[in-house]
Amino acid sequence: MPLGLTLTLATLPLLLLWPLLRHGGWPALWWAAASLVAFALYGIDKGRARRGAWRIPEMVLHLASLAGGWSGALLGQQLWRHKTRKWRFQVVFWGIGLVQGVLLVELLWLWGQHLAPLPQGLMPR
């Protein structure tokens, strides 16, 4: 995947959530923290794979993505070229990304219903 596309997909959710911080927008902090954890898990698992050591189960990697760490997981996959060729893993991974994208739009829409001072153009009409 091209670097520009990876960075766009990975940072867009955080950029969209960031303005909500001044309104008690904990989702941005959650997304950032979960992404850091997922990123670290991919790096650890890649290191273990190289050494032939005990691996982090794929379910744990998916749960880290599902918990809000999809952006970090995407960056980790691309940086370490880890799990990028396993098509079954990728189907689940991109399914999680799609669901999170829909939930992000819904969250922004709901937040916009209750907070008028959000920047124009951020909220879907």
C-alpha atoms as a PDB file:
ATOM      1  CA  MET A   1       0.000   0.000   0.000  1.00  0.00           C
ATOM      2  CA  PRO A   2       1.420   3.444  -0.847  1.00  0.00           C
ATOM      3  CA  LEU A   3       2.759   5.398   2.127  1.00  0.00           C
ATOM      4  CA  GLY A   4       0.498   8.398   1.493  1.00  0.00           C
ATOM      5  CA  LEU A   5      -2.637   6.261   1.525  1.00  0.00           C
ATOM      6  CA  THR A   6      -1.509   4.445   4.668  1.00  0.00           C
ATOM      7  CA  LEU A   7      -0.856   7.702   6.509  1.00  0.00           C
ATOM      8  CA  THR A   8      -4.157   9.195   5.358  1.00  0.00           C
ATOM      9  CA  LEU A   9      -6.212   6.193   6.454  1.00  0.00           C
ATOM     10  CA  ALA A  10      -4.357   5.948   9.753  1.00  0.00           C
ATOM     11  CA  THR A  11      -4.516   9.611  10.766  1.00  0.00           C
ATOM     12  CA  LEU A  12      -7.904  10.700   9.408  1.00  0.00           C
ATOM     13  CA  PRO A  13      -9.949   9.294  12.328  1.00  0.00           C
ATOM     14  CA  LEU A  14      -7.752  11.012  14.894  1.00  0.00           C
ATOM     15  CA  LEU A  15      -7.843  14.302  12.984  1.00  0.00           C
ATOM     16  CA  LEU A  16     -11.640  14.126  12.854  1.00  0.00           C
ATOM     17  CA  LEU A  17     -11.924  13.334  16.563  1.00  0.00           C
ATOM     18  CA  TRP A  18      -9.297  15.807  17.778  1.00  0.00           C
ATOM     19  CA  PRO A  19     -11.526  18.956  17.809  1.00  0.00           C
ATOM     20  CA  LEU A  20     -13.901  17.167  20.176  1.00  0.00           C
ATOM     21  CA  LEU A  21     -11.264  17.175  22.938  1.00  0.00           C
ATOM     22  CA  ARG A  22     -12.262  20.628  24.120  1.00  0.00           C
ATOM     23  CA  HIS A  23     -15.790  19.283  24.651  1.00  0.00           C
ATOM     24  CA  GLY A  24     -14.770  16.291  26.741  1.00  0.00           C
ATOM     25  CA  GLY A  25     -14.068  14.263  23.613  1.00  0.00           C
ATOM     26  CA  TRP A  26     -12.453  11.219  25.178  1.00  0.00           C
ATOM     27  CA  PRO A  27     -12.860   9.201  21.940  1.00  0.00           C
ATOM     28  CA  ALA A  28      -9.810  10.955  20.464  1.00  0.00           C
ATOM     29  CA  LEU A  29      -7.672   9.991  23.444  1.00  0.00           C
ATOM     30  CA  TRP A  30      -9.037   6.443  23.391  1.00  0.00           C
ATOM     31  CA  TRP A  31      -8.333   6.097  19.656  1.00  0.00           C
ATOM     32  CA  ALA A  32      -4.776   7.382  20.069  1.00  0.00           C
ATOM     33  CA  ALA A  33      -4.017   5.119  23.052  1.00  0.00           C
ATOM     34  CA  ALA A  34      -5.566   2.039  21.428  1.00  0.00           C
ATOM     35  CA  SER A  35      -3.630   2.746  18.234  1.00  0.00           C
ATOM     36  CA  LEU A  36      -0.352   2.931  20.143  1.00  0.00           C
ATOM     37  CA  VAL A  37      -1.105  -0.417  21.791  1.00  0.00           C
ATOM     38  CA  ALA A  38      -2.047  -2.056  18.472  1.00  0.00           C
ATOM     39  CA  PHE A  39       1.054  -0.624  16.775  1.00  0.00           C
ATOM     40  CA  ALA A  40       3.246  -2.046  19.549  1.00  0.00           C
ATOM     41  CA  LEU A  41       1.537  -5.459  19.365  1.00  0.00           C
ATOM     42  CA  TYR A  42       2.292  -5.735  15.639  1.00  0.00           C
ATOM     43  CA  GLY A  43       5.929  -4.803  16.233  1.00  0.00           C
ATOM     44  CA  ILE A  44       6.270  -7.310  19.072  1.00  0.00           C
ATOM     45  CA  ASP A  45       4.614 -10.068  17.040  1.00  0.00           C
ATOM     46  CA  LYS A  46       6.854  -9.408  14.030  1.00  0.00           C
ATOM     47  CA  GLY A  47       9.935  -9.608  16.258  1.00  0.00           C
ATOM     48  CA  ARG A  48       8.717 -12.879  17.736  1.00  0.00           C
ATOM     49  CA  ALA A  49       8.004 -14.269  14.265  1.00  0.00           C
ATOM     50  CA  ARG A  50      11.577 -13.534  13.204  1.00  0.00           C
ATOM     51  CA  ARG A  51      12.969 -15.278  16.288  1.00  0.00           C
ATOM     52  CA  GLY A  52      10.594 -18.240  16.067  1.00  0.00           C
ATOM     53  CA  ALA A  53       9.240 -17.395  19.533  1.00  0.00           C
ATOM     54  CA  TRP A  54       5.700 -17.625  20.925  1.00  0.00           C
ATOM     55  CA  ARG A  55       3.396 -15.446  18.805  1.00  0.00           C
ATOM     56  CA  ILE A  56       0.613 -13.078  19.701  1.00  0.00           C
ATOM     57  CA  PRO A  57      -2.634 -14.772  18.589  1.00  0.00           C
ATOM     58  CA  GLU A  58      -4.333 -13.230  15.560  1.00  0.00           C
ATOM     59  CA  MET A  59      -7.496 -12.832  17.633  1.00  0.00           C
ATOM     60  CA  VAL A  60      -5.597 -10.509  19.999  1.00  0.00           C
ATOM     61  CA  LEU A  61      -4.387  -8.433  17.052  1.00  0.00           C
ATOM     62  CA  HIS A  62      -7.957  -8.196  15.752  1.00  0.00           C
ATOM     63  CA  LEU A  63      -9.305  -7.298  19.199  1.00  0.00           C
ATOM     64  CA  ALA A  64      -6.725  -4.512  19.471  1.00  0.00           C
ATOM     65  CA  SER A  65      -7.983  -3.166  16.139  1.00  0.00           C
ATOM     66  CA  LEU A  66     -11.599  -3.575  17.176  1.00  0.00           C
ATOM     67  CA  ALA A  67     -10.980  -1.718  20.448  1.00  0.00           C
ATOM     68  CA  GLY A  68     -10.100   1.407  18.468  1.00  0.00           C
ATOM     69  CA  GLY A  69      -6.543   0.623  17.474  1.00  0.00           C
ATOM     70  CA  TRP A  70      -7.193   0.095  13.775  1.00  0.00           C
ATOM     71  CA  SER A  71      -5.051   3.075  12.775  1.00  0.00           C
ATOM     72  CA  GLY A  72      -2.050   1.851  14.755  1.00  0.00           C
ATOM     73  CA  ALA A  73      -2.565  -1.673  13.449  1.00  0.00           C
ATOM     74  CA  LEU A  74      -2.526  -0.400   9.860  1.00  0.00           C
ATOM     75  CA  LEU A  75       0.685   1.535  10.477  1.00  0.00           C
ATOM     76  CA  GLY A  76       2.263  -1.488  12.173  1.00  0.00           C
ATOM     77  CA  GLN A  77       1.295  -3.812   9.330  1.00  0.00           C
ATOM     78  CA  GLN A  78       2.790  -1.528   6.730  1.00  0.00           C
ATOM     79  CA  LEU A  79       5.934  -0.538   8.654  1.00  0.00           C
ATOM     80  CA  TRP A  80       6.893  -4.104   9.536  1.00  0.00           C
ATOM     81  CA  ARG A  81       5.233  -5.771   6.501  1.00  0.00           C
ATOM     82  CA  HIS A  82       3.423  -7.995   8.957  1.00  0.00           C
ATOM     83  CA  LYS A  83       0.232  -9.945   8.168  1.00  0.00           C
ATOM     84  CA  THR A  84      -0.094  -8.168   4.826  1.00  0.00           C
ATOM     85  CA  ARG A  85      -0.168 -11.368   2.735  1.00  0.00           C
ATOM     86  CA  LYS A  86      -2.600 -13.395   4.833  1.00  0.00           C
ATOM     87  CA  TRP A  87      -5.820 -12.753   2.930  1.00  0.00           C
ATOM     88  CA  ARG A  88      -8.155 -14.145   5.603  1.00  0.00           C
ATOM     89  CA  PHE A  89      -6.551 -11.916   8.194  1.00  0.00           C
ATOM     90  CA  GLN A  90      -6.855  -8.945   5.826  1.00  0.00           C
ATOM     91  CA  VAL A  91     -10.556  -9.592   5.156  1.00  0.00           C
ATOM     92  CA  VAL A  92     -11.292  -9.418   8.888  1.00  0.00           C
ATOM     93  CA  PHE A  93      -8.945  -6.462   9.368  1.00  0.00           C
ATOM     94  CA  TRP A  94     -10.534  -4.359   6.621  1.00  0.00           C
ATOM     95  CA  GLY A  95     -13.998  -5.370   7.817  1.00  0.00           C
ATOM     96  CA  ILE A  96     -13.103  -3.972  11.228  1.00  0.00           C
ATOM     97  CA  GLY A  97     -11.832  -0.802   9.545  1.00  0.00           C
ATOM     98  CA  LEU A  98     -15.085  -0.403   7.621  1.00  0.00           C
ATOM     99  CA  VAL A  99     -17.192  -0.867  10.760  1.00  0.00           C
ATOM    100  CA  GLN A 100     -15.042   1.627  12.649  1.00  0.00           C
ATOM    101  CA  GLY A 101     -15.374   4.140   9.828  1.00  0.00           C
ATOM    102  CA  VAL A 102     -19.164   3.891   9.982  1.00  0.00           C
ATOM    103  CA  LEU A 103     -19.094   4.195  13.781  1.00  0.00           C
ATOM    104  CA  LEU A 104     -16.816   7.232  13.530  1.00  0.00           C
ATOM    105  CA  VAL A 105     -19.231   9.006  11.187  1.00  0.00           C
ATOM    106  CA  GLU A 106     -22.116   8.111  13.515  1.00  0.00           C
ATOM    107  CA  LEU A 107     -20.203   9.367  16.561  1.00  0.00           C
ATOM    108  CA  LEU A 108     -19.385  12.657  14.856  1.00  0.00           C
ATOM    109  CA  TRP A 109     -22.993  13.050  13.753  1.00  0.00           C
ATOM    110  CA  LEU A 110     -24.353  12.343  17.245  1.00  0.00           C
ATOM    111  CA  TRP A 111     -21.784  14.635  18.846  1.00  0.00           C
ATOM    112  CA  GLY A 112     -22.746  17.366  16.379  1.00  0.00           C
ATOM    113  CA  GLN A 113     -26.392  17.074  17.409  1.00  0.00           C
ATOM    114  CA  HIS A 114     -25.449  18.075  20.959  1.00  0.00           C
ATOM    115  CA  LEU A 115     -22.577  20.518  20.419  1.00  0.00           C
ATOM    116  CA  ALA A 116     -23.200  23.542  18.230  1.00  0.00           C
ATOM    117  CA  PRO A 117     -19.709  25.116  18.495  1.00  0.00           C
ATOM    118  CA  LEU A 118     -17.942  22.402  16.499  1.00  0.00           C
ATOM    119  CA  PRO A 119     -16.172  23.707  13.370  1.00  0.00           C
ATOM    120  CA  GLN A 120     -18.340  23.942  10.272  1.00  0.00           C
ATOM    121  CA  GLY A 121     -17.479  21.389   7.625  1.00  0.00           C
ATOM    122  CA  LEU A 122     -16.493  18.751  10.198  1.00  0.00           C
ATOM    123  CA  MET A 123     -19.981  17.404  10.739  1.00  0.00           C
ATOM    124  CA  PRO A 124     -21.959  15.582   8.054  1.00  0.00           C
ATOM    125  CA  ARG A 125     -25.161  17.379   7.071  1.00  0.00           C
END
